Amino acid sequence: MSTGHHKALRLSTDGFTLIEVIGALVIFSMGVLAVMGLGAALTLQMEMAALRSELALVGQERMDSLELVDYATLSVGTTTSSTSIRGQIYVWSVTVSDSSAIIRHVAVTGVPSSGSGPYFKGSAFVDRDW
Protein backbone atom coordinates (compact mmCIF):
# COMPACT_ATOMS: atom_id res chain seq x y z
CA MET A 1 0.00 0.00 0.00
CA SER A 2 2.86 2.33 0.65
CA THR A 3 4.05 1.96 -2.97
CA GLY A 4 0.64 3.03 -4.34
CA HIS A 5 0.50 6.06 -2.08
CA HIS A 6 4.10 6.97 -2.91
CA LYS A 7 3.39 6.56 -6.66
CA ALA A 8 0.35 8.90 -6.47
CA LEU A 9 2.41 11.62 -4.81
CA ARG A 10 5.14 11.32 -7.39
CA LEU A 11 2.73 11.67 -10.33
CA SER A 12 1.21 14.87 -8.96
CA THR A 13 4.61 16.62 -8.66
CA ASP A 14 6.06 15.63 -12.06
CA GLY A 15 4.36 18.33 -14.21
CA PHE A 16 2.66 21.71 -14.22
CA THR A 17 -1.05 22.26 -13.91
CA LEU A 18 -2.95 24.27 -16.48
CA ILE A 19 -3.43 27.14 -13.99
CA GLU A 20 0.33 27.36 -13.42
CA VAL A 21 1.02 27.49 -17.16
CA ILE A 22 -1.62 30.17 -17.73
CA GLY A 23 -0.25 32.21 -14.80
CA ALA A 24 3.28 31.97 -16.20
CA LEU A 25 2.06 33.06 -19.65
CA VAL A 26 0.23 36.05 -18.19
CA ILE A 27 3.33 37.17 -16.27
CA PHE A 28 5.53 36.65 -19.34
CA SER A 29 3.08 38.58 -21.54
CA MET A 30 3.03 41.51 -19.13
CA GLY A 31 6.83 41.61 -19.20
CA VAL A 32 6.91 41.57 -23.01
CA LEU A 33 4.35 44.38 -23.19
CA ALA A 34 6.36 46.46 -20.72
CA VAL A 35 9.53 45.99 -22.79
CA MET A 36 7.67 46.94 -25.98
CA GLY A 37 6.31 50.09 -24.34
CA LEU A 38 9.76 50.98 -23.10
CA GLY A 39 11.17 50.47 -26.59
CA ALA A 40 8.61 52.86 -28.09
CA ALA A 41 9.36 55.49 -25.44
CA LEU A 42 13.12 55.15 -26.03
CA THR A 43 12.64 55.51 -29.78
CA LEU A 44 10.70 58.74 -29.28
CA GLN A 45 13.34 60.09 -26.89
CA MET A 46 16.13 59.25 -29.34
CA GLU A 47 14.29 61.02 -32.16
CA MET A 48 13.79 64.14 -30.00
CA ALA A 49 17.47 64.09 -28.99
CA ALA A 50 18.52 63.88 -32.63
CA LEU A 51 16.20 66.81 -33.49
CA ARG A 52 17.62 68.91 -30.63
CA SER A 53 21.19 68.14 -31.70
CA GLU A 54 20.56 69.09 -35.31
CA LEU A 55 18.66 72.21 -34.24
CA ALA A 56 21.56 73.30 -32.03
CA LEU A 57 24.00 72.67 -34.87
CA VAL A 58 22.01 74.75 -37.37
CA GLY A 59 21.48 77.54 -34.84
CA GLN A 60 25.13 77.65 -33.88
CA GLU A 61 26.17 77.75 -37.55
CA ARG A 62 23.91 80.78 -38.03
CA MET A 63 25.39 82.44 -34.96
CA ASP A 64 28.95 81.77 -36.10
CA SER A 65 28.30 83.15 -39.58
CA LEU A 66 26.84 86.36 -38.12
CA GLU A 67 29.78 86.87 -35.80
CA LEU A 68 32.07 86.96 -38.85
CA VAL A 69 30.10 89.79 -40.48
CA ASP A 70 31.71 93.21 -40.28
CA TYR A 71 30.04 95.68 -37.94
CA ALA A 72 29.44 98.22 -40.74
CA THR A 73 27.62 95.71 -42.97
CA LEU A 74 25.42 94.36 -40.15
CA SER A 75 22.19 96.33 -40.48
CA VAL A 76 19.83 96.92 -37.57
CA GLY A 77 16.49 95.13 -37.93
CA THR A 78 14.90 91.68 -38.09
CA THR A 79 15.10 89.12 -40.86
CA THR A 80 13.27 85.80 -41.03
CA SER A 81 13.74 82.61 -42.97
CA SER A 82 12.62 79.03 -42.69
CA THR A 83 14.26 75.65 -42.99
CA SER A 84 13.26 72.04 -42.58
CA ILE A 85 14.97 69.95 -39.91
CA ARG A 86 14.03 66.28 -39.74
CA GLY A 87 10.74 66.93 -41.49
CA GLN A 88 9.72 69.82 -39.23
CA ILE A 89 9.65 73.40 -40.51
CA TYR A 90 11.53 75.92 -38.36
CA VAL A 91 11.16 79.68 -38.64
CA TRP A 92 14.43 81.49 -37.98
CA SER A 93 14.51 85.08 -36.81
CA VAL A 94 17.68 87.17 -36.68
CA THR A 95 17.34 90.46 -34.79
CA VAL A 96 20.16 93.00 -34.82
CA SER A 97 20.00 95.95 -32.42
CA ASP A 98 22.40 98.61 -31.21
CA SER A 99 23.61 97.96 -27.67
CA SER A 100 25.92 100.93 -27.66
CA ALA A 101 27.72 103.18 -30.13
CA ILE A 102 30.26 100.46 -30.89
CA ILE A 103 28.43 97.20 -30.11
CA ARG A 104 25.52 95.51 -31.89
CA HIS A 105 23.52 92.72 -30.31
CA VAL A 106 22.56 89.80 -32.54
CA ALA A 107 19.77 87.46 -31.39
CA VAL A 108 18.94 84.28 -33.29
CA THR A 109 15.84 82.21 -32.60
CA GLY A 110 14.56 79.11 -34.32
CA VAL A 111 11.04 77.98 -33.43
CA PRO A 112 8.93 75.23 -34.96
CA SER A 113 6.16 76.53 -37.20
CA SER A 114 3.74 74.10 -35.55
CA GLY A 115 4.29 75.85 -32.22
CA SER A 116 5.34 72.74 -30.30
CA GLY A 117 8.73 71.13 -30.02
CA PRO A 118 12.29 72.10 -29.19
CA TYR A 119 13.56 75.56 -30.14
CA PHE A 120 16.87 77.40 -30.43
CA LYS A 121 17.68 80.74 -28.86
CA GLY A 122 21.09 82.35 -28.90
CA SER A 123 22.72 85.75 -28.96
CA ALA A 124 26.09 87.33 -29.65
CA PHE A 125 27.70 90.75 -29.77
CA VAL A 126 29.56 92.28 -32.69
CA ASP A 127 31.83 95.22 -32.03
CA ARG A 128 33.23 97.94 -34.22
CA ASP A 129 36.96 98.03 -34.85
CA TRP A 130 38.65 100.93 -33.10
C-alpha atoms as a PDB file:
ATOM      1  CA  MET A   1       0.000   0.000   0.000  1.00  0.00           C
ATOM      2  CA  SER A   2       2.859   2.330   0.647  1.00  0.00           C
ATOM      3  CA  THR A   3       4.052   1.963  -2.968  1.00  0.00           C
ATOM      4  CA  GLY A   4       0.639   3.031  -4.343  1.00  0.00           C
ATOM      5  CA  HIS A   5       0.496   6.059  -2.080  1.00  0.00           C
ATOM      6  CA  HIS A   6       4.098   6.968  -2.907  1.00  0.00           C
ATOM      7  CA  LYS A   7       3.394   6.559  -6.659  1.00  0.00           C
ATOM      8  CA  ALA A   8       0.350   8.901  -6.475  1.00  0.00           C
ATOM      9  CA  LEU A   9       2.405  11.622  -4.806  1.00  0.00           C
ATOM     10  CA  ARG A  10       5.142  11.323  -7.387  1.00  0.00           C
ATOM     11  CA  LEU A  11       2.733  11.670 -10.331  1.00  0.00           C
ATOM     12  CA  SER A  12       1.208  14.872  -8.964  1.00  0.00           C
ATOM     13  CA  THR A  13       4.607  16.616  -8.663  1.00  0.00           C
ATOM     14  CA  ASP A  14       6.056  15.631 -12.055  1.00  0.00           C
ATOM     15  CA  GLY A  15       4.356  18.327 -14.211  1.00  0.00           C
ATOM     16  CA  PHE A  16       2.657  21.707 -14.221  1.00  0.00           C
ATOM     17  CA  THR A  17      -1.046  22.260 -13.913  1.00  0.00           C
ATOM     18  CA  LEU A  18      -2.954  24.271 -16.480  1.00  0.00           C
ATOM     19  CA  ILE A  19      -3.429  27.141 -13.990  1.00  0.00           C
ATOM     20  CA  GLU A  20       0.333  27.362 -13.419  1.00  0.00           C
ATOM     21  CA  VAL A  21       1.016  27.485 -17.162  1.00  0.00           C
ATOM     22  CA  ILE A  22      -1.619  30.172 -17.726  1.00  0.00           C
ATOM     23  CA  GLY A  23      -0.253  32.214 -14.804  1.00  0.00           C
ATOM     24  CA  ALA A  24       3.276  31.968 -16.199  1.00  0.00           C
ATOM     25  CA  LEU A  25       2.059  33.057 -19.651  1.00  0.00           C
ATOM     26  CA  VAL A  26       0.229  36.053 -18.188  1.00  0.00           C
ATOM     27  CA  ILE A  27       3.327  37.173 -16.273  1.00  0.00           C
ATOM     28  CA  PHE A  28       5.532  36.648 -19.337  1.00  0.00           C
ATOM     29  CA  SER A  29       3.078  38.583 -21.542  1.00  0.00           C
ATOM     30  CA  MET A  30       3.030  41.513 -19.128  1.00  0.00           C
ATOM     31  CA  GLY A  31       6.830  41.615 -19.205  1.00  0.00           C
ATOM     32  CA  VAL A  32       6.908  41.565 -23.009  1.00  0.00           C
ATOM     33  CA  LEU A  33       4.347  44.377 -23.193  1.00  0.00           C
ATOM     34  CA  ALA A  34       6.355  46.455 -20.721  1.00  0.00           C
ATOM     35  CA  VAL A  35       9.526  45.988 -22.786  1.00  0.00           C
ATOM     36  CA  MET A  36       7.675  46.941 -25.981  1.00  0.00           C
ATOM     37  CA  GLY A  37       6.309  50.092 -24.343  1.00  0.00           C
ATOM     38  CA  LEU A  38       9.759  50.984 -23.098  1.00  0.00           C
ATOM     39  CA  GLY A  39      11.166  50.474 -26.586  1.00  0.00           C
ATOM     40  CA  ALA A  40       8.610  52.861 -28.087  1.00  0.00           C
ATOM     41  CA  ALA A  41       9.359  55.491 -25.444  1.00  0.00           C
ATOM     42  CA  LEU A  42      13.115  55.153 -26.026  1.00  0.00           C
ATOM     43  CA  THR A  43      12.639  55.507 -29.779  1.00  0.00           C
ATOM     44  CA  LEU A  44      10.701  58.738 -29.276  1.00  0.00           C
ATOM     45  CA  GLN A  45      13.343  60.089 -26.888  1.00  0.00           C
ATOM     46  CA  MET A  46      16.127  59.247 -29.343  1.00  0.00           C
ATOM     47  CA  GLU A  47      14.287  61.023 -32.159  1.00  0.00           C
ATOM     48  CA  MET A  48      13.794  64.138 -30.005  1.00  0.00           C
ATOM     49  CA  ALA A  49      17.466  64.093 -28.987  1.00  0.00           C
ATOM     50  CA  ALA A  50      18.523  63.884 -32.632  1.00  0.00           C
ATOM     51  CA  LEU A  51      16.205  66.806 -33.486  1.00  0.00           C
ATOM     52  CA  ARG A  52      17.620  68.905 -30.625  1.00  0.00           C
ATOM     53  CA  SER A  53      21.186  68.144 -31.697  1.00  0.00           C
ATOM     54  CA  GLU A  54      20.564  69.086 -35.309  1.00  0.00           C
ATOM     55  CA  LEU A  55      18.657  72.207 -34.241  1.00  0.00           C
ATOM     56  CA  ALA A  56      21.563  73.299 -32.027  1.00  0.00           C
ATOM     57  CA  LEU A  57      24.002  72.666 -34.868  1.00  0.00           C
ATOM     58  CA  VAL A  58      22.014  74.751 -37.372  1.00  0.00           C
ATOM     59  CA  GLY A  59      21.480  77.541 -34.840  1.00  0.00           C
ATOM     60  CA  GLN A  60      25.135  77.655 -33.879  1.00  0.00           C
ATOM     61  CA  GLU A  61      26.169  77.750 -37.550  1.00  0.00           C
ATOM     62  CA  ARG A  62      23.906  80.775 -38.035  1.00  0.00           C
ATOM     63  CA  MET A  63      25.387  82.444 -34.961  1.00  0.00           C
ATOM     64  CA  ASP A  64      28.946  81.766 -36.101  1.00  0.00           C
ATOM     65  CA  SER A  65      28.297  83.145 -39.583  1.00  0.00           C
ATOM     66  CA  LEU A  66      26.836  86.360 -38.119  1.00  0.00           C
ATOM     67  CA  GLU A  67      29.785  86.867 -35.801  1.00  0.00           C
ATOM     68  CA  LEU A  68      32.069  86.964 -38.853  1.00  0.00           C
ATOM     69  CA  VAL A  69      30.103  89.794 -40.480  1.00  0.00           C
ATOM     70  CA  ASP A  70      31.709  93.207 -40.278  1.00  0.00           C
ATOM     71  CA  TYR A  71      30.036  95.683 -37.938  1.00  0.00           C
ATOM     72  CA  ALA A  72      29.438  98.220 -40.740  1.00  0.00           C
ATOM     73  CA  THR A  73      27.620  95.713 -42.966  1.00  0.00           C
ATOM     74  CA  LEU A  74      25.422  94.364 -40.152  1.00  0.00           C
ATOM     75  CA  SER A  75      22.185  96.334 -40.478  1.00  0.00           C
ATOM     76  CA  VAL A  76      19.833  96.915 -37.571  1.00  0.00           C
ATOM     77  CA  GLY A  77      16.492  95.129 -37.929  1.00  0.00           C
ATOM     78  CA  THR A  78      14.900  91.678 -38.093  1.00  0.00           C
ATOM     79  CA  THR A  79      15.101  89.118 -40.863  1.00  0.00           C
ATOM     80  CA  THR A  80      13.270  85.802 -41.035  1.00  0.00           C
ATOM     81  CA  SER A  81      13.738  82.612 -42.973  1.00  0.00           C
ATOM     82  CA  SER A  82      12.618  79.027 -42.688  1.00  0.00           C
ATOM     83  CA  THR A  83      14.259  75.649 -42.990  1.00  0.00           C
ATOM     84  CA  SER A  84      13.260  72.035 -42.582  1.00  0.00           C
ATOM     85  CA  ILE A  85      14.966  69.953 -39.912  1.00  0.00           C
ATOM     86  CA  ARG A  86      14.031  66.277 -39.741  1.00  0.00           C
ATOM     87  CA  GLY A  87      10.738  66.927 -41.489  1.00  0.00           C
ATOM     88  CA  GLN A  88       9.718  69.822 -39.231  1.00  0.00           C
ATOM     89  CA  ILE A  89       9.655  73.402 -40.511  1.00  0.00           C
ATOM     90  CA  TYR A  90      11.534  75.918 -38.358  1.00  0.00           C
ATOM     91  CA  VAL A  91      11.161  79.677 -38.637  1.00  0.00           C
ATOM     92  CA  TRP A  92      14.434  81.492 -37.983  1.00  0.00           C
ATOM     93  CA  SER A  93      14.515  85.076 -36.810  1.00  0.00           C
ATOM     94  CA  VAL A  94      17.676  87.173 -36.681  1.00  0.00           C
ATOM     95  CA  THR A  95      17.341  90.455 -34.794  1.00  0.00           C
ATOM     96  CA  VAL A  96      20.158  93.004 -34.816  1.00  0.00           C
ATOM     97  CA  SER A  97      19.996  95.949 -32.423  1.00  0.00           C
ATOM     98  CA  ASP A  98      22.400  98.608 -31.209  1.00  0.00           C
ATOM     99  CA  SER A  99      23.605  97.962 -27.674  1.00  0.00           C
ATOM    100  CA  SER A 100      25.918 100.931 -27.662  1.00  0.00           C
ATOM    101  CA  ALA A 101      27.724 103.178 -30.128  1.00  0.00           C
ATOM    102  CA  ILE A 102      30.262 100.461 -30.891  1.00  0.00           C
ATOM    103  CA  ILE A 103      28.425  97.204 -30.110  1.00  0.00           C
ATOM    104  CA  ARG A 104      25.524  95.511 -31.886  1.00  0.00           C
ATOM    105  CA  HIS A 105      23.524  92.724 -30.305  1.00  0.00           C
ATOM    106  CA  VAL A 106      22.556  89.801 -32.545  1.00  0.00           C
ATOM    107  CA  ALA A 107      19.769  87.457 -31.388  1.00  0.00           C
ATOM    108  CA  VAL A 108      18.944  84.281 -33.294  1.00  0.00           C
ATOM    109  CA  THR A 109      15.837  82.213 -32.601  1.00  0.00           C
ATOM    110  CA  GLY A 110      14.558  79.106 -34.325  1.00  0.00           C
ATOM    111  CA  VAL A 111      11.043  77.982 -33.431  1.00  0.00           C
ATOM    112  CA  PRO A 112       8.926  75.230 -34.957  1.00  0.00           C
ATOM    113  CA  SER A 113       6.163  76.533 -37.198  1.00  0.00           C
ATOM    114  CA  SER A 114       3.743  74.103 -35.545  1.00  0.00           C
ATOM    115  CA  GLY A 115       4.291  75.851 -32.219  1.00  0.00           C
ATOM    116  CA  SER A 116       5.343  72.739 -30.305  1.00  0.00           C
ATOM    117  CA  GLY A 117       8.728  71.125 -30.023  1.00  0.00           C
ATOM    118  CA  PRO A 118      12.288  72.100 -29.187  1.00  0.00           C
ATOM    119  CA  TYR A 119      13.558  75.556 -30.137  1.00  0.00           C
ATOM    120  CA  PHE A 120      16.874  77.397 -30.433  1.00  0.00           C
ATOM    121  CA  LYS A 121      17.677  80.736 -28.856  1.00  0.00           C
ATOM    122  CA  GLY A 122      21.087  82.355 -28.900  1.00  0.00           C
ATOM    123  CA  SER A 123      22.724  85.748 -28.965  1.00  0.00           C
ATOM    124  CA  ALA A 124      26.093  87.333 -29.652  1.00  0.00           C
ATOM    125  CA  PHE A 125      27.698  90.749 -29.774  1.00  0.00           C
ATOM    126  CA  VAL A 126      29.560  92.278 -32.688  1.00  0.00           C
ATOM    127  CA  ASP A 127      31.827  95.225 -32.025  1.00  0.00           C
ATOM    128  CA  ARG A 128      33.231  97.940 -34.220  1.00  0.00           C
ATOM    129  CA  ASP A 129      36.963  98.027 -34.849  1.00  0.00           C
ATOM    130  CA  TRP A 130      38.652 100.926 -33.104  1.00  0.00           C
END
